[in-house]
């Protein structure tokens, strides 16, 4: 799995793409103390799952 660590500001956008198309768009929505609000936009065929929800399924 690839990893990218970046610093972004509110309103900045991150595109996730394959060789043919953009798959998802992530926008930095809000930063408050120890929380960051991320806005995910993707086609309905793309599954987006929070890490803690996915980890609970494994237990």
PDB file of N, CA and C in Angstrom:
ATOM      1  N   UNK A   1       0.842  -1.175   0.000  1.00  0.00           N
ATOM      2  CA  UNK A   1       0.000   0.000   0.000  1.00  0.00           C
ATOM      3  C   UNK A   1       0.887   1.238   0.000  1.00  0.00           C
ATOM      4  N   UNK A   2       0.565   2.184  -0.843  1.00  0.00           N
ATOM      5  CA  UNK A   2       1.343   3.424  -0.925  1.00  0.00           C
ATOM      6  C   UNK A   2       0.953   4.368   0.205  1.00  0.00           C
ATOM      7  N   UNK A   3       1.882   5.238   0.591  1.00  0.00           N
ATOM      8  CA  UNK A   3       1.627   6.198   1.657  1.00  0.00           C
ATOM      9  C   UNK A   3       2.125   7.567   1.219  1.00  0.00           C
ATOM     10  N   UNK A   4       1.327   8.579   1.529  1.00  0.00           N
ATOM     11  CA  UNK A   4       1.682   9.962   1.248  1.00  0.00           C
ATOM     12  C   UNK A   4       1.319  10.778   2.476  1.00  0.00           C
ATOM     13  N   UNK A   5       2.269  11.508   3.029  1.00  0.00           N
ATOM     14  CA  UNK A   5       2.021  12.361   4.190  1.00  0.00           C
ATOM     15  C   UNK A   5       2.159  13.803   3.727  1.00  0.00           C
ATOM     16  N   UNK A   6       1.093  14.597   3.906  1.00  0.00           N
ATOM     17  CA  UNK A   6       1.096  15.977   3.443  1.00  0.00           C
ATOM     18  C   UNK A   6       0.485  16.885   4.503  1.00  0.00           C
ATOM     19  N   UNK A   7       0.749  18.156   4.384  1.00  0.00           N
ATOM     20  CA  UNK A   7       0.141  19.167   5.229  1.00  0.00           C
ATOM     21  C   UNK A   7      -0.762  20.007   4.349  1.00  0.00           C
ATOM     22  N   UNK A   8      -2.003  20.144   4.739  1.00  0.00           N
ATOM     23  CA  UNK A   8      -2.981  20.875   3.957  1.00  0.00           C
ATOM     24  C   UNK A   8      -3.668  21.938   4.807  1.00  0.00           C
ATOM     25  N   UNK A   9      -4.314  22.887   4.144  1.00  0.00           N
ATOM     26  CA  UNK A   9      -5.080  23.931   4.812  1.00  0.00           C
ATOM     27  C   UNK A   9      -6.559  23.725   4.532  1.00  0.00           C
ATOM     28  N   UNK A  10      -7.414  24.363   5.321  1.00  0.00           N
ATOM     29  CA  UNK A  10      -8.852  24.266   5.123  1.00  0.00           C
ATOM     30  C   UNK A  10      -9.189  24.695   3.702  1.00  0.00           C
ATOM     31  N   UNK A  11     -10.025  23.910   3.055  1.00  0.00           N
ATOM     32  CA  UNK A  11     -10.428  24.189   1.682  1.00  0.00           C
ATOM     33  C   UNK A  11      -9.556  23.524   0.634  1.00  0.00           C
ATOM     34  N   UNK A  12      -8.370  23.054   1.011  1.00  0.00           N
ATOM     35  CA  UNK A  12      -7.499  22.367   0.058  1.00  0.00           C
ATOM     36  C   UNK A  12      -8.144  21.052  -0.366  1.00  0.00           C
ATOM     37  N   UNK A  13      -7.843  20.621  -1.581  1.00  0.00           N
ATOM     38  CA  UNK A  13      -8.433  19.417  -2.143  1.00  0.00           C
ATOM     39  C   UNK A  13      -7.354  18.399  -2.487  1.00  0.00           C
ATOM     40  N   UNK A  14      -7.701  17.141  -2.317  1.00  0.00           N
ATOM     41  CA  UNK A  14      -6.816  16.029  -2.648  1.00  0.00           C
ATOM     42  C   UNK A  14      -7.588  15.107  -3.587  1.00  0.00           C
ATOM     43  N   UNK A  15      -7.020  14.834  -4.751  1.00  0.00           N
ATOM     44  CA  UNK A  15      -7.665  13.954  -5.717  1.00  0.00           C
ATOM     45  C   UNK A  15      -7.025  12.573  -5.652  1.00  0.00           C
ATOM     46  N   UNK A  16      -7.847  11.550  -5.671  1.00  0.00           N
ATOM     47  CA  UNK A  16      -7.375  10.176  -5.750  1.00  0.00           C
ATOM     48  C   UNK A  16      -7.756   9.670  -7.133  1.00  0.00           C
ATOM     49  N   UNK A  17      -6.757   9.211  -7.878  1.00  0.00           N
ATOM     50  CA  UNK A  17      -6.972   8.835  -9.279  1.00  0.00           C
ATOM     51  C   UNK A  17      -6.291   7.516  -9.597  1.00  0.00           C
ATOM     52  N   UNK A  18      -6.793   6.865 -10.632  1.00  0.00           N
ATOM     53  CA  UNK A  18      -6.041   5.765 -11.229  1.00  0.00           C
ATOM     54  C   UNK A  18      -5.510   6.280 -12.564  1.00  0.00           C
ATOM     55  N   UNK A  19      -5.056   5.425 -13.423  1.00  0.00           N
ATOM     56  CA  UNK A  19      -4.479   5.881 -14.695  1.00  0.00           C
ATOM     57  C   UNK A  19      -5.504   6.512 -15.641  1.00  0.00           C
ATOM     58  N   UNK A  20      -6.793   6.234 -15.422  1.00  0.00           N
ATOM     59  CA  UNK A  20      -7.820   6.665 -16.360  1.00  0.00           C
ATOM     60  C   UNK A  20      -8.685   7.819 -15.865  1.00  0.00           C
ATOM     61  N   UNK A  21      -8.936   7.904 -14.566  1.00  0.00           N
ATOM     62  CA  UNK A  21      -9.922   8.862 -14.074  1.00  0.00           C
ATOM     63  C   UNK A  21      -9.698   9.216 -12.604  1.00  0.00           C
ATOM     64  N   UNK A  22     -10.319  10.312 -12.188  1.00  0.00           N
ATOM     65  CA  UNK A  22     -10.352  10.643 -10.769  1.00  0.00           C
ATOM     66  C   UNK A  22     -11.371   9.726 -10.111  1.00  0.00           C
ATOM     67  N   UNK A  23     -10.980   9.106  -9.010  1.00  0.00           N
ATOM     68  CA  UNK A  23     -11.845   8.166  -8.302  1.00  0.00           C
ATOM     69  C   UNK A  23     -12.562   8.864  -7.147  1.00  0.00           C
ATOM     70  N   UNK A  24     -11.852   9.743  -6.449  1.00  0.00           N
ATOM     71  CA  UNK A  24     -12.431  10.411  -5.289  1.00  0.00           C
ATOM     72  C   UNK A  24     -11.766  11.773  -5.101  1.00  0.00           C
ATOM     73  N   UNK A  25     -12.491  12.636  -4.417  1.00  0.00           N
ATOM     74  CA  UNK A  25     -11.996  13.962  -4.057  1.00  0.00           C
ATOM     75  C   UNK A  25     -12.166  14.115  -2.555  1.00  0.00           C
ATOM     76  N   UNK A  26     -11.104  14.498  -1.871  1.00  0.00           N
ATOM     77  CA  UNK A  26     -11.143  14.741  -0.431  1.00  0.00           C
ATOM     78  C   UNK A  26     -10.849  16.213  -0.215  1.00  0.00           C
ATOM     79  N   UNK A  27     -11.732  16.892   0.519  1.00  0.00           N
ATOM     80  CA  UNK A  27     -11.560  18.308   0.823  1.00  0.00           C
ATOM     81  C   UNK A  27     -11.379  18.462   2.321  1.00  0.00           C
ATOM     82  N   UNK A  28     -10.413  19.289   2.729  1.00  0.00           N
ATOM     83  CA  UNK A  28     -10.217  19.584   4.144  1.00  0.00           C
ATOM     84  C   UNK A  28     -11.326  20.548   4.543  1.00  0.00           C
ATOM     85  N   UNK A  29     -12.233  20.100   5.412  1.00  0.00           N
ATOM     86  CA  UNK A  29     -13.394  20.902   5.757  1.00  0.00           C
ATOM     87  C   UNK A  29     -13.205  21.788   6.975  1.00  0.00           C
ATOM     88  N   UNK A  30     -12.603  21.245   8.023  1.00  0.00           N
ATOM     89  CA  UNK A  30     -12.482  21.993   9.276  1.00  0.00           C
ATOM     90  C   UNK A  30     -11.362  21.389  10.107  1.00  0.00           C
ATOM     91  N   UNK A  31     -10.646  22.239  10.810  1.00  0.00           N
ATOM     92  CA  UNK A  31      -9.616  21.789  11.738  1.00  0.00           C
ATOM     93  C   UNK A  31      -9.915  22.447  13.078  1.00  0.00           C
ATOM     94  N   UNK A  32     -10.036  21.630  14.127  1.00  0.00           N
ATOM     95  CA  UNK A  32     -10.377  22.144  15.445  1.00  0.00           C
ATOM     96  C   UNK A  32      -9.666  21.313  16.507  1.00  0.00           C
ATOM     97  N   UNK A  33      -8.694  21.890  17.142  1.00  0.00           N
ATOM     98  CA  UNK A  33      -7.893  21.238  18.190  1.00  0.00           C
ATOM     99  C   UNK A  33      -7.378  19.881  17.728  1.00  0.00           C
ATOM    100  N   UNK A  34      -8.017  18.797  18.164  1.00  0.00           N
ATOM    101  CA  UNK A  34      -7.500  17.468  17.828  1.00  0.00           C
ATOM    102  C   UNK A  34      -8.387  16.745  16.810  1.00  0.00           C
ATOM    103  N   UNK A  35      -9.211  17.492  16.062  1.00  0.00           N
ATOM    104  CA  UNK A  35     -10.066  16.876  15.056  1.00  0.00           C
ATOM    105  C   UNK A  35      -9.898  17.562  13.707  1.00  0.00           C
ATOM    106  N   UNK A  36     -10.030  16.761  12.661  1.00  0.00           N
ATOM    107  CA  UNK A  36      -9.998  17.283  11.300  1.00  0.00           C
ATOM    108  C   UNK A  36     -11.249  16.761  10.600  1.00  0.00           C
ATOM    109  N   UNK A  37     -11.993  17.648   9.958  1.00  0.00           N
ATOM    110  CA  UNK A  37     -13.170  17.233   9.194  1.00  0.00           C
ATOM    111  C   UNK A  37     -12.766  17.116   7.740  1.00  0.00           C
ATOM    112  N   UNK A  38     -12.965  15.913   7.197  1.00  0.00           N
ATOM    113  CA  UNK A  38     -12.663  15.634   5.798  1.00  0.00           C
ATOM    114  C   UNK A  38     -13.967  15.406   5.060  1.00  0.00           C
ATOM    115  N   UNK A  39     -14.072  15.957   3.863  1.00  0.00           N
ATOM    116  CA  UNK A  39     -15.254  15.783   3.025  1.00  0.00           C
ATOM    117  C   UNK A  39     -14.852  14.889   1.859  1.00  0.00           C
ATOM    118  N   UNK A  40     -15.489  13.729   1.742  1.00  0.00           N
ATOM    119  CA  UNK A  40     -15.185  12.762   0.687  1.00  0.00           C
ATOM    120  C   UNK A  40     -16.259  12.826  -0.384  1.00  0.00           C
ATOM    121  N   UNK A  41     -15.842  12.887  -1.648  1.00  0.00           N
ATOM    122  CA  UNK A  41     -16.769  12.843  -2.775  1.00  0.00           C
ATOM    123  C   UNK A  41     -16.280  11.761  -3.728  1.00  0.00           C
ATOM    124  N   UNK A  42     -17.183  10.847  -4.050  1.00  0.00           N
ATOM    125  CA  UNK A  42     -16.828   9.755  -4.960  1.00  0.00           C
ATOM    126  C   UNK A  42     -18.105   9.186  -5.560  1.00  0.00           C
ATOM    127  N   UNK A  43     -17.958   8.484  -6.659  1.00  0.00           N
ATOM    128  CA  UNK A  43     -19.068   7.789  -7.280  1.00  0.00           C
ATOM    129  C   UNK A  43     -19.621   6.760  -6.285  1.00  0.00           C
ATOM    130  N   UNK A  44     -20.888   6.450  -6.388  1.00  0.00           N
ATOM    131  CA  UNK A  44     -21.505   5.496  -5.463  1.00  0.00           C
ATOM    132  C   UNK A  44     -20.870   4.101  -5.512  1.00  0.00           C
ATOM    133  N   UNK A  45     -20.227   3.764  -6.619  1.00  0.00           N
ATOM    134  CA  UNK A  45     -19.589   2.443  -6.708  1.00  0.00           C
ATOM    135  C   UNK A  45     -18.301   2.367  -5.886  1.00  0.00           C
ATOM    136  N   UNK A  46     -17.789   3.516  -5.421  1.00  0.00           N
ATOM    137  CA  UNK A  46     -16.581   3.551  -4.589  1.00  0.00           C
ATOM    138  C   UNK A  46     -17.001   3.424  -3.124  1.00  0.00           C
ATOM    139  N   UNK A  47     -16.453   2.447  -2.445  1.00  0.00           N
ATOM    140  CA  UNK A  47     -16.778   2.233  -1.034  1.00  0.00           C
ATOM    141  C   UNK A  47     -15.807   3.022  -0.167  1.00  0.00           C
ATOM    142  N   UNK A  48     -16.350   3.845   0.719  1.00  0.00           N
ATOM    143  CA  UNK A  48     -15.548   4.620   1.659  1.00  0.00           C
ATOM    144  C   UNK A  48     -15.953   4.184   3.060  1.00  0.00           C
ATOM    145  N   UNK A  49     -14.996   3.666   3.829  1.00  0.00           N
ATOM    146  CA  UNK A  49     -15.278   3.162   5.171  1.00  0.00           C
ATOM    147  C   UNK A  49     -14.279   3.744   6.147  1.00  0.00           C
ATOM    148  N   UNK A  50     -14.777   4.226   7.283  1.00  0.00           N
ATOM    149  CA  UNK A  50     -13.894   4.733   8.341  1.00  0.00           C
ATOM    150  C   UNK A  50     -13.056   3.583   8.888  1.00  0.00           C
ATOM    151  N   UNK A  51     -11.810   3.873   9.222  1.00  0.00           N
ATOM    152  CA  UNK A  51     -10.904   2.840   9.727  1.00  0.00           C
ATOM    153  C   UNK A  51     -11.434   2.146  10.961  1.00  0.00           C
ATOM    154  N   UNK A  52     -11.987   2.907  11.914  1.00  0.00           N
ATOM    155  CA  UNK A  52     -12.462   2.275  13.143  1.00  0.00           C
ATOM    156  C   UNK A  52     -13.687   1.398  12.869  1.00  0.00           C
ATOM    157  N   UNK A  53     -14.509   1.716  11.895  1.00  0.00           N
ATOM    158  CA  UNK A  53     -15.655   0.865  11.543  1.00  0.00           C
ATOM    159  C   UNK A  53     -15.178  -0.433  10.895  1.00  0.00           C
ATOM    160  N   UNK A  54     -14.164  -0.343  10.067  1.00  0.00           N
ATOM    161  CA  UNK A  54     -13.624  -1.522   9.404  1.00  0.00           C
ATOM    162  C   UNK A  54     -12.934  -2.439  10.414  1.00  0.00           C
ATOM    163  N   UNK A  55     -12.234  -1.872  11.391  1.00  0.00           N
ATOM    164  CA  UNK A  55     -11.572  -2.667  12.411  1.00  0.00           C
ATOM    165  C   UNK A  55     -12.568  -3.386  13.297  1.00  0.00           C
ATOM    166  N   UNK A  56     -13.706  -2.773  13.602  1.00  0.00           N
ATOM    167  CA  UNK A  56     -14.742  -3.418  14.427  1.00  0.00           C
ATOM    168  C   UNK A  56     -15.315  -4.644  13.721  1.00  0.00           C
ATOM    169  N   UNK A  57     -15.430  -4.601  12.381  1.00  0.00           N
ATOM    170  CA  UNK A  57     -15.953  -5.736  11.626  1.00  0.00           C
ATOM    171  C   UNK A  57     -15.040  -6.952  11.756  1.00  0.00           C
ATOM    172  N   UNK A  58     -13.724  -6.704  11.893  1.00  0.00           N
ATOM    173  CA  UNK A  58     -12.764  -7.800  11.979  1.00  0.00           C
ATOM    174  C   UNK A  58     -12.869  -8.552  13.304  1.00  0.00           C
ATOM    175  N   UNK A  59     -13.322  -7.865  14.348  1.00  0.00           N
ATOM    176  CA  UNK A  59     -13.368  -8.489  15.689  1.00  0.00           C
ATOM    177  C   UNK A  59     -14.482  -9.487  15.781  1.00  0.00           C
TER     178      UNK A  59
END
